[in-house]
C-alpha atoms as a PDB file:
ATOM      1  CA  UNK A   1       0.948  35.546  22.449  1.00  0.00           C
ATOM      2  CA  UNK A   2       0.069  32.738  24.862  1.00  0.00           C
ATOM      3  CA  UNK A   3       2.687  30.024  24.908  1.00  0.00           C
ATOM      4  CA  UNK A   4       2.621  26.600  26.477  1.00  0.00           C
ATOM      5  CA  UNK A   5       5.699  24.894  27.874  1.00  0.00           C
ATOM      6  CA  UNK A   6       6.761  21.791  25.966  1.00  0.00           C
ATOM      7  CA  UNK A   7       7.215  18.594  27.910  1.00  0.00           C
ATOM      8  CA  UNK A   8       9.422  16.595  25.546  1.00  0.00           C
ATOM      9  CA  UNK A   9      12.973  17.899  25.123  1.00  0.00           C
ATOM     10  CA  UNK A  10      14.378  17.189  21.617  1.00  0.00           C
ATOM     11  CA  UNK A  11      18.031  16.247  21.411  1.00  0.00           C
ATOM     12  CA  UNK A  12      19.275  18.818  18.895  1.00  0.00           C
ATOM     13  CA  UNK A  13      20.326  22.056  20.580  1.00  0.00           C
ATOM     14  CA  UNK A  14      20.442  25.049  18.205  1.00  0.00           C
ATOM     15  CA  UNK A  15      19.293  28.172  20.100  1.00  0.00           C
ATOM     16  CA  UNK A  16      22.403  30.021  21.362  1.00  0.00           C
ATOM     17  CA  UNK A  17      23.000  30.710  25.039  1.00  0.00           C
ATOM     18  CA  UNK A  18      23.081  34.420  24.158  1.00  0.00           C
ATOM     19  CA  UNK A  19      19.300  34.317  23.763  1.00  0.00           C
ATOM     20  CA  UNK A  20      18.962  32.547  27.102  1.00  0.00           C
ATOM     21  CA  UNK A  21      20.975  35.391  28.615  1.00  0.00           C
ATOM     22  CA  UNK A  22      18.525  37.781  26.945  1.00  0.00           C
ATOM     23  CA  UNK A  23      15.692  36.187  28.920  1.00  0.00           C
ATOM     24  CA  UNK A  24      17.710  36.402  32.141  1.00  0.00           C
ATOM     25  CA  UNK A  25      18.387  40.100  31.416  1.00  0.00           C
ATOM     26  CA  UNK A  26      14.626  40.702  31.372  1.00  0.00           C
ATOM     27  CA  UNK A  27      14.395  39.329  34.892  1.00  0.00           C
ATOM     28  CA  UNK A  28      17.243  41.610  35.962  1.00  0.00           C
ATOM     29  CA  UNK A  29      15.462  44.625  34.488  1.00  0.00           C
ATOM     30  CA  UNK A  30      12.340  43.872  36.522  1.00  0.00           C
ATOM     31  CA  UNK A  31      14.273  42.891  39.654  1.00  0.00           C
ATOM     32  CA  UNK A  32      12.977  39.314  39.588  1.00  0.00           C
ATOM     33  CA  UNK A  33      14.621  35.910  40.069  1.00  0.00           C
ATOM     34  CA  UNK A  34      14.905  33.795  36.878  1.00  0.00           C
ATOM     35  CA  UNK A  35      15.469  30.529  38.770  1.00  0.00           C
ATOM     36  CA  UNK A  36      12.049  29.021  38.085  1.00  0.00           C
ATOM     37  CA  UNK A  37      12.147  29.939  34.388  1.00  0.00           C
ATOM     38  CA  UNK A  38      15.601  28.355  34.024  1.00  0.00           C
ATOM     39  CA  UNK A  39      14.307  25.285  35.819  1.00  0.00           C
ATOM     40  CA  UNK A  40      11.324  25.042  33.465  1.00  0.00           C
ATOM     41  CA  UNK A  41      13.720  25.169  30.529  1.00  0.00           C
ATOM     42  CA  UNK A  42      16.099  22.652  32.120  1.00  0.00           C
ATOM     43  CA  UNK A  43      18.939  25.129  31.595  1.00  0.00           C
ATOM     44  CA  UNK A  44      22.101  24.234  33.500  1.00  0.00           C
ATOM     45  CA  UNK A  45      23.718  27.163  35.386  1.00  0.00           C
ATOM     46  CA  UNK A  46      27.080  26.716  33.645  1.00  0.00           C
ATOM     47  CA  UNK A  47      25.441  27.142  30.214  1.00  0.00           C
ATOM     48  CA  UNK A  48      24.541  30.772  30.883  1.00  0.00           C
ATOM     49  CA  UNK A  49      28.102  32.025  30.502  1.00  0.00           C
ATOM     50  CA  UNK A  50      29.152  29.571  27.818  1.00  0.00           C
ATOM     51  CA  UNK A  51      30.088  31.320  24.530  1.00  0.00           C
ATOM     52  CA  UNK A  52      29.276  28.156  22.573  1.00  0.00           C
ATOM     53  CA  UNK A  53      26.335  26.955  24.661  1.00  0.00           C
ATOM     54  CA  UNK A  54      23.094  25.878  22.978  1.00  0.00           C
ATOM     55  CA  UNK A  55      19.627  24.842  24.124  1.00  0.00           C
ATOM     56  CA  UNK A  56      16.944  22.956  22.215  1.00  0.00           C
ATOM     57  CA  UNK A  57      13.852  24.592  20.750  1.00  0.00           C
ATOM     58  CA  UNK A  58      11.689  22.960  23.422  1.00  0.00           C
ATOM     59  CA  UNK A  59      13.974  24.178  26.204  1.00  0.00           C
ATOM     60  CA  UNK A  60      13.844  27.744  24.931  1.00  0.00           C
ATOM     61  CA  UNK A  61      10.089  27.545  24.435  1.00  0.00           C
ATOM     62  CA  UNK A  62       9.621  26.471  28.046  1.00  0.00           C
ATOM     63  CA  UNK A  63      12.063  29.104  29.347  1.00  0.00           C
ATOM     64  CA  UNK A  64      10.761  32.083  27.359  1.00  0.00           C
ATOM     65  CA  UNK A  65       7.121  31.095  27.730  1.00  0.00           C
ATOM     66  CA  UNK A  66       7.383  31.003  31.513  1.00  0.00           C
ATOM     67  CA  UNK A  67       9.295  34.293  31.563  1.00  0.00           C
ATOM     68  CA  UNK A  68       6.673  36.095  29.461  1.00  0.00           C
ATOM     69  CA  UNK A  69       3.920  34.926  31.782  1.00  0.00           C
ATOM     70  CA  UNK A  70       5.791  35.641  34.997  1.00  0.00           C
ATOM     71  CA  UNK A  71       7.017  39.085  33.905  1.00  0.00           C
ATOM     72  CA  UNK A  72       3.808  39.855  31.989  1.00  0.00           C
ATOM     73  CA  UNK A  73       5.940  41.149  29.121  1.00  0.00           C
ATOM     74  CA  UNK A  74       6.050  39.396  25.770  1.00  0.00           C
ATOM     75  CA  UNK A  75       8.839  41.770  24.688  1.00  0.00           C
ATOM     76  CA  UNK A  76      11.023  40.570  27.594  1.00  0.00           C
ATOM     77  CA  UNK A  77      12.221  44.054  28.459  1.00  0.00           C
ATOM     78  CA  UNK A  78      13.171  45.227  24.970  1.00  0.00           C
ATOM     79  CA  UNK A  79      10.912  48.265  24.822  1.00  0.00           C
ATOM     80  CA  UNK A  80      10.110  51.351  26.873  1.00  0.00           C
ATOM     81  CA  UNK A  81       6.871  49.731  28.029  1.00  0.00           C
ATOM     82  CA  UNK A  82       5.700  46.193  28.680  1.00  0.00           C
ATOM     83  CA  UNK A  83       3.814  44.238  26.061  1.00  0.00           C
ATOM     84  CA  UNK A  84       1.391  42.375  28.347  1.00  0.00           C
ATOM     85  CA  UNK A  85       0.671  38.678  28.011  1.00  0.00           C
ATOM     86  CA  UNK A  86      -1.494  38.152  24.922  1.00  0.00           C
ATOM     87  CA  UNK A  87      -0.202  41.134  22.927  1.00  0.00           C
ATOM     88  CA  UNK A  88       1.155  39.125  20.005  1.00  0.00           C
ATOM     89  CA  UNK A  89      -1.894  36.893  20.142  1.00  0.00           C
ATOM     90  CA  UNK A  90      -3.927  40.046  19.557  1.00  0.00           C
ATOM     91  CA  UNK A  91      -1.808  40.824  16.477  1.00  0.00           C
ATOM     92  CA  UNK A  92      -2.469  37.303  15.210  1.00  0.00           C
ATOM     93  CA  UNK A  93      -6.226  37.751  15.656  1.00  0.00           C
ATOM     94  CA  UNK A  94      -6.125  41.087  13.846  1.00  0.00           C
ATOM     95  CA  UNK A  95      -4.332  39.486  10.891  1.00  0.00           C
ATOM     96  CA  UNK A  96      -5.964  36.050  10.606  1.00  0.00           C
ATOM     97  CA  UNK A  97      -9.052  37.309   8.735  1.00  0.00           C
ATOM     98  CA  UNK A  98      -6.961  38.753   5.887  1.00  0.00           C
ATOM     99  CA  UNK A  99      -7.616  37.162   2.468  1.00  0.00           C
ATOM    100  CA  UNK A 100      -3.919  36.917   1.527  1.00  0.00           C
ATOM    101  CA  UNK A 101      -0.525  37.002   3.200  1.00  0.00           C
ATOM    102  CA  UNK A 102       0.138  40.462   1.757  1.00  0.00           C
ATOM    103  CA  UNK A 103      -2.885  41.927   3.520  1.00  0.00           C
ATOM    104  CA  UNK A 104      -2.052  40.026   6.715  1.00  0.00           C
ATOM    105  CA  UNK A 105       1.517  41.354   6.813  1.00  0.00           C
ATOM    106  CA  UNK A 106       0.385  44.913   6.127  1.00  0.00           C
ATOM    107  CA  UNK A 107      -2.007  44.608   9.060  1.00  0.00           C
ATOM    108  CA  UNK A 108       0.712  43.129  11.274  1.00  0.00           C
ATOM    109  CA  UNK A 109       3.124  45.972  10.513  1.00  0.00           C
ATOM    110  CA  UNK A 110       0.452  48.635  11.024  1.00  0.00           C
ATOM    111  CA  UNK A 111      -0.951  47.162  14.238  1.00  0.00           C
ATOM    112  CA  UNK A 112       2.498  46.571  15.713  1.00  0.00           C
ATOM    113  CA  UNK A 113       2.793  50.359  15.961  1.00  0.00           C
ATOM    114  CA  UNK A 114      -0.183  50.354  18.310  1.00  0.00           C
ATOM    115  CA  UNK A 115       1.696  48.270  20.865  1.00  0.00           C
ATOM    116  CA  UNK A 116       5.061  50.054  20.574  1.00  0.00           C
ATOM    117  CA  UNK A 117       6.715  52.785  18.517  1.00  0.00           C
ATOM    118  CA  UNK A 118      10.190  51.887  19.705  1.00  0.00           C
ATOM    119  CA  UNK A 119      10.538  49.843  16.516  1.00  0.00           C
ATOM    120  CA  UNK A 120       8.547  50.161  13.282  1.00  0.00           C
ATOM    121  CA  UNK A 121       7.930  47.238  10.940  1.00  0.00           C
ATOM    122  CA  UNK A 122       7.499  47.891   7.220  1.00  0.00           C
ATOM    123  CA  UNK A 123       6.576  45.746   4.206  1.00  0.00           C
ATOM    124  CA  UNK A 124       8.083  46.863   0.894  1.00  0.00           C
ATOM    125  CA  UNK A 125       7.293  45.318  -2.502  1.00  0.00           C
ATOM    126  CA  UNK A 126       9.696  45.096  -5.433  1.00  0.00           C
ATOM    127  CA  UNK A 127       9.419  43.563  -8.899  1.00  0.00           C
ATOM    128  CA  UNK A 128      10.282  40.052  -7.727  1.00  0.00           C
ATOM    129  CA  UNK A 129      10.817  40.304  -3.986  1.00  0.00           C
ATOM    130  CA  UNK A 130       9.174  41.483  -0.792  1.00  0.00           C
ATOM    131  CA  UNK A 131      11.092  42.966   2.134  1.00  0.00           C
ATOM    132  CA  UNK A 132      10.089  43.157   5.781  1.00  0.00           C
ATOM    133  CA  UNK A 133      12.302  45.655   7.600  1.00  0.00           C
ATOM    134  CA  UNK A 134      12.603  47.038  11.117  1.00  0.00           C
ATOM    135  CA  UNK A 135      13.355  50.672  11.903  1.00  0.00           C
ATOM    136  CA  UNK A 136      14.765  51.239  15.376  1.00  0.00           C
ATOM    137  CA  UNK A 137      13.566  54.441  17.041  1.00  0.00           C
ATOM    138  CA  UNK A 138      15.373  53.951  20.333  1.00  0.00           C
ATOM    139  CA  UNK A 139      18.574  52.324  21.515  1.00  0.00           C
ATOM    140  CA  UNK A 140      17.772  48.671  22.180  1.00  0.00           C
ATOM    141  CA  UNK A 141      21.016  48.222  24.095  1.00  0.00           C
ATOM    142  CA  UNK A 142      22.338  44.736  24.866  1.00  0.00           C
ATOM    143  CA  UNK A 143      18.961  43.240  23.869  1.00  0.00           C
ATOM    144  CA  UNK A 144      19.284  44.457  20.283  1.00  0.00           C
ATOM    145  CA  UNK A 145      20.149  41.156  18.604  1.00  0.00           C
ATOM    146  CA  UNK A 146      17.676  39.145  20.688  1.00  0.00           C
ATOM    147  CA  UNK A 147      14.933  41.662  19.945  1.00  0.00           C
ATOM    148  CA  UNK A 148      15.437  41.967  16.173  1.00  0.00           C
ATOM    149  CA  UNK A 149      15.874  38.237  15.623  1.00  0.00           C
ATOM    150  CA  UNK A 150      12.770  37.433  17.664  1.00  0.00           C
ATOM    151  CA  UNK A 151      10.606  40.064  15.952  1.00  0.00           C
ATOM    152  CA  UNK A 152      11.457  38.531  12.583  1.00  0.00           C
ATOM    153  CA  UNK A 153      10.785  35.038  13.908  1.00  0.00           C
ATOM    154  CA  UNK A 154       7.377  36.220  15.176  1.00  0.00           C
ATOM    155  CA  UNK A 155       6.522  37.557  11.713  1.00  0.00           C
ATOM    156  CA  UNK A 156       7.820  34.465   9.922  1.00  0.00           C
ATOM    157  CA  UNK A 157       6.312  32.025  12.401  1.00  0.00           C
ATOM    158  CA  UNK A 158       2.828  33.483  12.088  1.00  0.00           C
ATOM    159  CA  UNK A 159       3.076  33.951   8.309  1.00  0.00           C
ATOM    160  CA  UNK A 160       4.252  30.393   7.620  1.00  0.00           C
ATOM    161  CA  UNK A 161       1.550  28.944   9.850  1.00  0.00           C
ATOM    162  CA  UNK A 162      -1.176  31.171   8.374  1.00  0.00           C
ATOM    163  CA  UNK A 163      -0.525  30.098   4.773  1.00  0.00           C
ATOM    164  CA  UNK A 164       0.664  26.581   5.726  1.00  0.00           C
ATOM    165  CA  UNK A 165       3.955  27.021   3.921  1.00  0.00           C
ATOM    166  CA  UNK A 166       7.582  27.676   4.637  1.00  0.00           C
ATOM    167  CA  UNK A 167       8.657  31.093   3.379  1.00  0.00           C
ATOM    168  CA  UNK A 168      12.109  30.583   1.930  1.00  0.00           C
ATOM    169  CA  UNK A 169      14.209  33.684   2.517  1.00  0.00           C
ATOM    170  CA  UNK A 170      16.510  34.998  -0.177  1.00  0.00           C
ATOM    171  CA  UNK A 171      18.493  37.159   2.220  1.00  0.00           C
ATOM    172  CA  UNK A 172      18.589  38.524   5.763  1.00  0.00           C
ATOM    173  CA  UNK A 173      20.479  41.595   7.004  1.00  0.00           C
ATOM    174  CA  UNK A 174      21.209  42.847  10.495  1.00  0.00           C
ATOM    175  CA  UNK A 175      22.653  46.193  11.656  1.00  0.00           C
ATOM    176  CA  UNK A 176      25.119  44.777  14.178  1.00  0.00           C
ATOM    177  CA  UNK A 177      28.481  42.991  13.968  1.00  0.00           C
ATOM    178  CA  UNK A 178      28.621  39.284  13.257  1.00  0.00           C
ATOM    179  CA  UNK A 179      27.986  37.451  16.554  1.00  0.00           C
ATOM    180  CA  UNK A 180      30.054  34.533  17.800  1.00  0.00           C
ATOM    181  CA  UNK A 181      27.105  32.189  17.285  1.00  0.00           C
ATOM    182  CA  UNK A 182      26.722  33.155  13.609  1.00  0.00           C
ATOM    183  CA  UNK A 183      26.454  29.469  12.673  1.00  0.00           C
ATOM    184  CA  UNK A 184      22.844  29.423  13.926  1.00  0.00           C
ATOM    185  CA  UNK A 185      21.647  32.096  11.482  1.00  0.00           C
ATOM    186  CA  UNK A 186      21.391  29.841   8.389  1.00  0.00           C
ATOM    187  CA  UNK A 187      19.180  27.520  10.447  1.00  0.00           C
ATOM    188  CA  UNK A 188      16.736  30.161  11.635  1.00  0.00           C
ATOM    189  CA  UNK A 189      16.926  32.429   8.567  1.00  0.00           C
ATOM    190  CA  UNK A 190      18.899  31.526   5.424  1.00  0.00           C
ATOM    191  CA  UNK A 191      22.420  31.137   4.118  1.00  0.00           C
ATOM    192  CA  UNK A 192      22.631  34.640   2.639  1.00  0.00           C
ATOM    193  CA  UNK A 193      23.058  36.623   5.863  1.00  0.00           C
ATOM    194  CA  UNK A 194      24.869  39.972   6.092  1.00  0.00           C
ATOM    195  CA  UNK A 195      25.855  41.912   9.200  1.00  0.00           C
ATOM    196  CA  UNK A 196      26.758  45.565   9.808  1.00  0.00           C
ATOM    197  CA  UNK A 197      23.902  46.490   7.450  1.00  0.00           C
ATOM    198  CA  UNK A 198      22.032  49.805   7.546  1.00  0.00           C
ATOM    199  CA  UNK A 199      18.899  48.156   8.931  1.00  0.00           C
ATOM    200  CA  UNK A 200      17.391  44.802   9.835  1.00  0.00           C
ATOM    201  CA  UNK A 201      15.518  43.187   6.945  1.00  0.00           C
ATOM    202  CA  UNK A 202      14.447  39.861   5.479  1.00  0.00           C
ATOM    203  CA  UNK A 203      13.878  39.320   1.740  1.00  0.00           C
ATOM    204  CA  UNK A 204      11.676  36.666   0.131  1.00  0.00           C
ATOM    205  CA  UNK A 205       9.903  35.841  -3.122  1.00  0.00           C
ATOM    206  CA  UNK A 206       7.011  38.234  -3.748  1.00  0.00           C
ATOM    207  CA  UNK A 207       4.779  35.357  -4.878  1.00  0.00           C
ATOM    208  CA  UNK A 208       4.346  34.180  -1.288  1.00  0.00           C
ATOM    209  CA  UNK A 209       2.271  37.297  -0.645  1.00  0.00           C
ATOM    210  CA  UNK A 210      -0.490  36.075  -2.934  1.00  0.00           C
ATOM    211  CA  UNK A 211      -1.011  32.851  -0.955  1.00  0.00           C
ATOM    212  CA  UNK A 212      -4.395  32.760   0.792  1.00  0.00           C
ATOM    213  CA  UNK A 213      -4.635  32.357   4.551  1.00  0.00           C
ATOM    214  CA  UNK A 214      -5.880  28.858   5.266  1.00  0.00           C
ATOM    215  CA  UNK A 215      -6.566  29.011   9.019  1.00  0.00           C
ATOM    216  CA  UNK A 216      -9.782  29.511  10.983  1.00  0.00           C
ATOM    217  CA  UNK A 217     -10.384  31.218  14.328  1.00  0.00           C
ATOM    218  CA  UNK A 218     -10.500  27.768  15.958  1.00  0.00           C
ATOM    219  CA  UNK A 219      -7.140  26.910  14.368  1.00  0.00           C
ATOM    220  CA  UNK A 220      -5.730  30.128  15.803  1.00  0.00           C
ATOM    221  CA  UNK A 221      -6.969  29.275  19.301  1.00  0.00           C
ATOM    222  CA  UNK A 222      -5.154  25.936  19.111  1.00  0.00           C
ATOM    223  CA  UNK A 223      -1.991  27.477  17.662  1.00  0.00           C
ATOM    224  CA  UNK A 224      -1.761  30.088  20.400  1.00  0.00           C
ATOM    225  CA  UNK A 225      -1.534  27.335  23.025  1.00  0.00           C
ATOM    226  CA  UNK A 226       1.955  26.590  21.745  1.00  0.00           C
ATOM    227  CA  UNK A 227       2.823  29.474  19.463  1.00  0.00           C
ATOM    228  CA  UNK A 228       6.406  30.023  20.553  1.00  0.00           C
ATOM    229  CA  UNK A 229       7.564  26.851  18.853  1.00  0.00           C
ATOM    230  CA  UNK A 230       6.686  28.522  15.535  1.00  0.00           C
ATOM    231  CA  UNK A 231       9.309  31.157  16.292  1.00  0.00           C
ATOM    232  CA  UNK A 232      12.099  28.749  17.230  1.00  0.00           C
ATOM    233  CA  UNK A 233      11.516  25.931  14.707  1.00  0.00           C
ATOM    234  CA  UNK A 234      11.569  26.491  10.909  1.00  0.00           C
ATOM    235  CA  UNK A 235       8.281  25.671   9.149  1.00  0.00           C
ATOM    236  CA  UNK A 236       8.884  22.661   6.914  1.00  0.00           C
ATOM    237  CA  UNK A 237       6.416  22.688   4.018  1.00  0.00           C
ATOM    238  CA  UNK A 238       7.047  25.126   1.143  1.00  0.00           C
ATOM    239  CA  UNK A 239       3.986  25.539  -1.075  1.00  0.00           C
ATOM    240  CA  UNK A 240       6.077  27.438  -3.641  1.00  0.00           C
ATOM    241  CA  UNK A 241       8.860  24.855  -3.782  1.00  0.00           C
ATOM    242  CA  UNK A 242       7.686  23.448  -7.117  1.00  0.00           C
ATOM    243  CA  UNK A 243       7.606  26.922  -8.673  1.00  0.00           C
ATOM    244  CA  UNK A 244      11.042  27.700  -7.234  1.00  0.00           C
ATOM    245  CA  UNK A 245      12.460  24.535  -8.830  1.00  0.00           C
ATOM    246  CA  UNK A 246      10.819  25.479 -12.132  1.00  0.00           C
ATOM    247  CA  UNK A 247      12.471  28.904 -11.982  1.00  0.00           C
ATOM    248  CA  UNK A 248      15.929  27.391 -11.361  1.00  0.00           C
ATOM    249  CA  UNK A 249      15.464  25.006 -14.289  1.00  0.00           C
ATOM    250  CA  UNK A 250      14.183  27.758 -16.605  1.00  0.00           C
ATOM    251  CA  UNK A 251      17.155  29.955 -15.806  1.00  0.00           C
ATOM    252  CA  UNK A 252      19.605  27.132 -16.625  1.00  0.00           C
ATOM    253  CA  UNK A 253      18.964  27.490 -20.409  1.00  0.00           C
ATOM    254  CA  UNK A 254      21.078  24.634 -21.724  1.00  0.00           C
ATOM    255  CA  UNK A 255      23.165  23.991 -18.646  1.00  0.00           C
ATOM    256  CA  UNK A 256      22.654  20.449 -17.412  1.00  0.00           C
ATOM    257  CA  UNK A 257      21.794  20.712 -13.727  1.00  0.00           C
ATOM    258  CA  UNK A 258      22.077  17.764 -11.398  1.00  0.00           C
ATOM    259  CA  UNK A 259      20.005  17.311  -8.267  1.00  0.00           C
ATOM    260  CA  UNK A 260      22.874  18.718  -6.199  1.00  0.00           C
ATOM    261  CA  UNK A 261      22.968  21.876  -8.339  1.00  0.00           C
ATOM    262  CA  UNK A 262      19.234  22.495  -7.994  1.00  0.00           C
ATOM    263  CA  UNK A 263      19.250  21.783  -4.264  1.00  0.00           C
ATOM    264  CA  UNK A 264      22.148  24.203  -3.790  1.00  0.00           C
ATOM    265  CA  UNK A 265      20.181  26.975  -5.501  1.00  0.00           C
ATOM    266  CA  UNK A 266      17.291  26.293  -3.115  1.00  0.00           C
ATOM    267  CA  UNK A 267      19.561  26.190  -0.032  1.00  0.00           C
ATOM    268  CA  UNK A 268      18.353  22.654   0.705  1.00  0.00           C
ATOM    269  CA  UNK A 269      20.003  19.273   0.987  1.00  0.00           C
ATOM    270  CA  UNK A 270      19.385  16.979  -1.973  1.00  0.00           C
ATOM    271  CA  UNK A 271      17.546  14.515   0.222  1.00  0.00           C
ATOM    272  CA  UNK A 272      15.254  17.201   1.648  1.00  0.00           C
ATOM    273  CA  UNK A 273      14.488  18.578  -1.813  1.00  0.00           C
ATOM    274  CA  UNK A 274      13.511  15.142  -3.145  1.00  0.00           C
ATOM    275  CA  UNK A 275      11.372  14.415  -0.083  1.00  0.00           C
ATOM    276  CA  UNK A 276       9.504  17.724  -0.275  1.00  0.00           C
ATOM    277  CA  UNK A 277       8.874  17.326  -3.997  1.00  0.00           C
ATOM    278  CA  UNK A 278       7.381  13.889  -3.315  1.00  0.00           C
ATOM    279  CA  UNK A 279       5.119  15.506  -0.736  1.00  0.00           C
ATOM    280  CA  UNK A 280       3.922  17.835  -3.506  1.00  0.00           C
ATOM    281  CA  UNK A 281       3.193  14.791  -5.752  1.00  0.00           C
ATOM    282  CA  UNK A 282       5.990  15.480  -8.238  1.00  0.00           C
ATOM    283  CA  UNK A 283       9.713  14.836  -8.757  1.00  0.00           C
ATOM    284  CA  UNK A 284      12.784  16.627 -10.035  1.00  0.00           C
ATOM    285  CA  UNK A 285      12.776  14.371 -13.087  1.00  0.00           C
ATOM    286  CA  UNK A 286       9.197  15.344 -13.970  1.00  0.00           C
ATOM    287  CA  UNK A 287       9.948  19.037 -13.474  1.00  0.00           C
ATOM    288  CA  UNK A 288      13.058  18.771 -15.650  1.00  0.00           C
ATOM    289  CA  UNK A 289      10.991  17.216 -18.435  1.00  0.00           C
ATOM    290  CA  UNK A 290       8.389  19.948 -18.063  1.00  0.00           C
ATOM    291  CA  UNK A 291      11.067  22.676 -18.178  1.00  0.00           C
ATOM    292  CA  UNK A 292      12.654  21.179 -21.288  1.00  0.00           C
ATOM    293  CA  UNK A 293       9.290  21.020 -23.057  1.00  0.00           C
ATOM    294  CA  UNK A 294       8.314  24.597 -22.173  1.00  0.00           C
ATOM    295  CA  UNK A 295      11.681  25.954 -23.253  1.00  0.00           C
ATOM    296  CA  UNK A 296      11.653  23.992 -26.512  1.00  0.00           C
ATOM    297  CA  UNK A 297       8.079  25.041 -27.279  1.00  0.00           C
ATOM    298  CA  UNK A 298       8.906  28.724 -26.741  1.00  0.00           C
ATOM    299  CA  UNK A 299      11.948  28.549 -29.006  1.00  0.00           C
ATOM    300  CA  UNK A 300      10.025  26.710 -31.743  1.00  0.00           C
ATOM    301  CA  UNK A 301       7.205  29.256 -31.665  1.00  0.00           C
ATOM    302  CA  UNK A 302       9.705  32.078 -32.169  1.00  0.00           C
ATOM    303  CA  UNK A 303      10.429  30.379 -35.512  1.00  0.00           C
ATOM    304  CA  UNK A 304      14.035  31.414 -36.138  1.00  0.00           C
ATOM    305  CA  UNK A 305      16.336  29.264 -34.000  1.00  0.00           C
ATOM    306  CA  UNK A 306      17.675  26.119 -35.731  1.00  0.00           C
ATOM    307  CA  UNK A 307      16.261  22.908 -34.237  1.00  0.00           C
ATOM    308  CA  UNK A 308      19.748  21.635 -33.484  1.00  0.00           C
ATOM    309  CA  UNK A 309      20.369  24.757 -31.404  1.00  0.00           C
ATOM    310  CA  UNK A 310      16.993  24.391 -29.655  1.00  0.00           C
ATOM    311  CA  UNK A 311      17.981  20.844 -28.686  1.00  0.00           C
ATOM    312  CA  UNK A 312      21.126  22.246 -27.053  1.00  0.00           C
ATOM    313  CA  UNK A 313      19.225  25.034 -25.268  1.00  0.00           C
ATOM    314  CA  UNK A 314      16.702  22.535 -23.898  1.00  0.00           C
ATOM    315  CA  UNK A 315      19.512  20.370 -22.518  1.00  0.00           C
ATOM    316  CA  UNK A 316      19.572  17.500 -25.026  1.00  0.00           C
ATOM    317  CA  UNK A 317      22.785  15.928 -26.222  1.00  0.00           C
ATOM    318  CA  UNK A 318      21.746  15.882 -29.864  1.00  0.00           C
ATOM    319  CA  UNK A 319      18.911  16.713 -32.247  1.00  0.00           C
ATOM    320  CA  UNK A 320      17.804  13.082 -32.570  1.00  0.00           C
ATOM    321  CA  UNK A 321      17.169  12.594 -28.848  1.00  0.00           C
ATOM    322  CA  UNK A 322      15.387  15.949 -28.721  1.00  0.00           C
ATOM    323  CA  UNK A 323      13.085  15.037 -31.626  1.00  0.00           C
ATOM    324  CA  UNK A 324      12.272  11.686 -30.033  1.00  0.00           C
ATOM    325  CA  UNK A 325      11.400  13.340 -26.697  1.00  0.00           C
ATOM    326  CA  UNK A 326       9.382  16.090 -28.353  1.00  0.00           C
ATOM    327  CA  UNK A 327       7.314  13.556 -30.275  1.00  0.00           C
ATOM    328  CA  UNK A 328       6.581  11.729 -26.994  1.00  0.00           C
ATOM    329  CA  UNK A 329       5.361  15.034 -25.481  1.00  0.00           C
ATOM    330  CA  UNK A 330       3.227  16.269 -28.358  1.00  0.00           C
ATOM    331  CA  UNK A 331       2.769  13.446 -30.854  1.00  0.00           C
ATOM    332  CA  UNK A 332       4.517  15.527 -33.521  1.00  0.00           C
ATOM    333  CA  UNK A 333       8.095  16.302 -34.516  1.00  0.00           C
ATOM    334  CA  UNK A 334       9.653  19.696 -33.732  1.00  0.00           C
ATOM    335  CA  UNK A 335       9.456  20.674 -37.441  1.00  0.00           C
ATOM    336  CA  UNK A 336       5.789  19.694 -37.665  1.00  0.00           C
ATOM    337  CA  UNK A 337       5.033  21.649 -34.470  1.00  0.00           C
ATOM    338  CA  UNK A 338       6.764  24.737 -35.840  1.00  0.00           C
ATOM    339  CA  UNK A 339       4.927  24.415 -39.116  1.00  0.00           C
ATOM    340  CA  UNK A 340       1.542  24.129 -37.442  1.00  0.00           C
ATOM    341  CA  UNK A 341       2.236  27.124 -35.226  1.00  0.00           C
ATOM    342  CA  UNK A 342       3.144  29.211 -38.236  1.00  0.00           C
END
């Protein structure tokens, strides 16, 4: 996957020094000097051995991008054979013509076996979730964490870019002990992270798989000029955010949820949630009203629940305020609506 070194260095440093040491280890494996790569990434020598050291996304992009070119190995020494420069770009090209993300990910997993069988990627579908997992077929040694994390970031980076949406993870699991830099995992994956698992896997909402790929071959050419930043920076826009908020509100069933409660369920800050909903031309208030109406309508159509109880289920303080709101939605009272449905 061709990468281009970034020139501007952002202030926030998140990528742990352990991953920088993973790049240096690749140079050691091939008997090469990492000095120029470290210089490109503006990595200070004392950071290499720092247990709490961090570099910015742009620094790591410059460092790893130079290393992959210089060593001609996009796997940076993880596997039993090199993955020459352009390998992951080839996987992108093989997947970009897929009609949906599901087809694209199935292609990615299948074609990844053509470049190495040291690890096998699989896509599994459940009733509500999808799981991408990695089976290790050889000992990855000290590079294990760096390898597994990066493989997932490759998959997520390409997938998010291809459908122009963040893919919000429900969970992530890794088959190694909790590292000292565990605090970075919620940033690059999600809050629900488990270690010492049986295998490496990431779990997300199955509905993302039905999103169509929105990118052209020309878009892919431009992306590949700076693709590594997709693997080190989370994709911001979530095209399923509105549906995820709807699901949280539906599941509340009578519980009054504040903005903080909804944001917590989405693993977002309140400010970020409000901003992203505005970007999708809606608001939490509008979605709450919609959820109340849908819930009330369903209960009225069932025909048995007392209207006072429906008001409580829909989150209203009393029957009078519920009736007033329902009339504003439909032009009729709840009793009239129920009667017409019958």
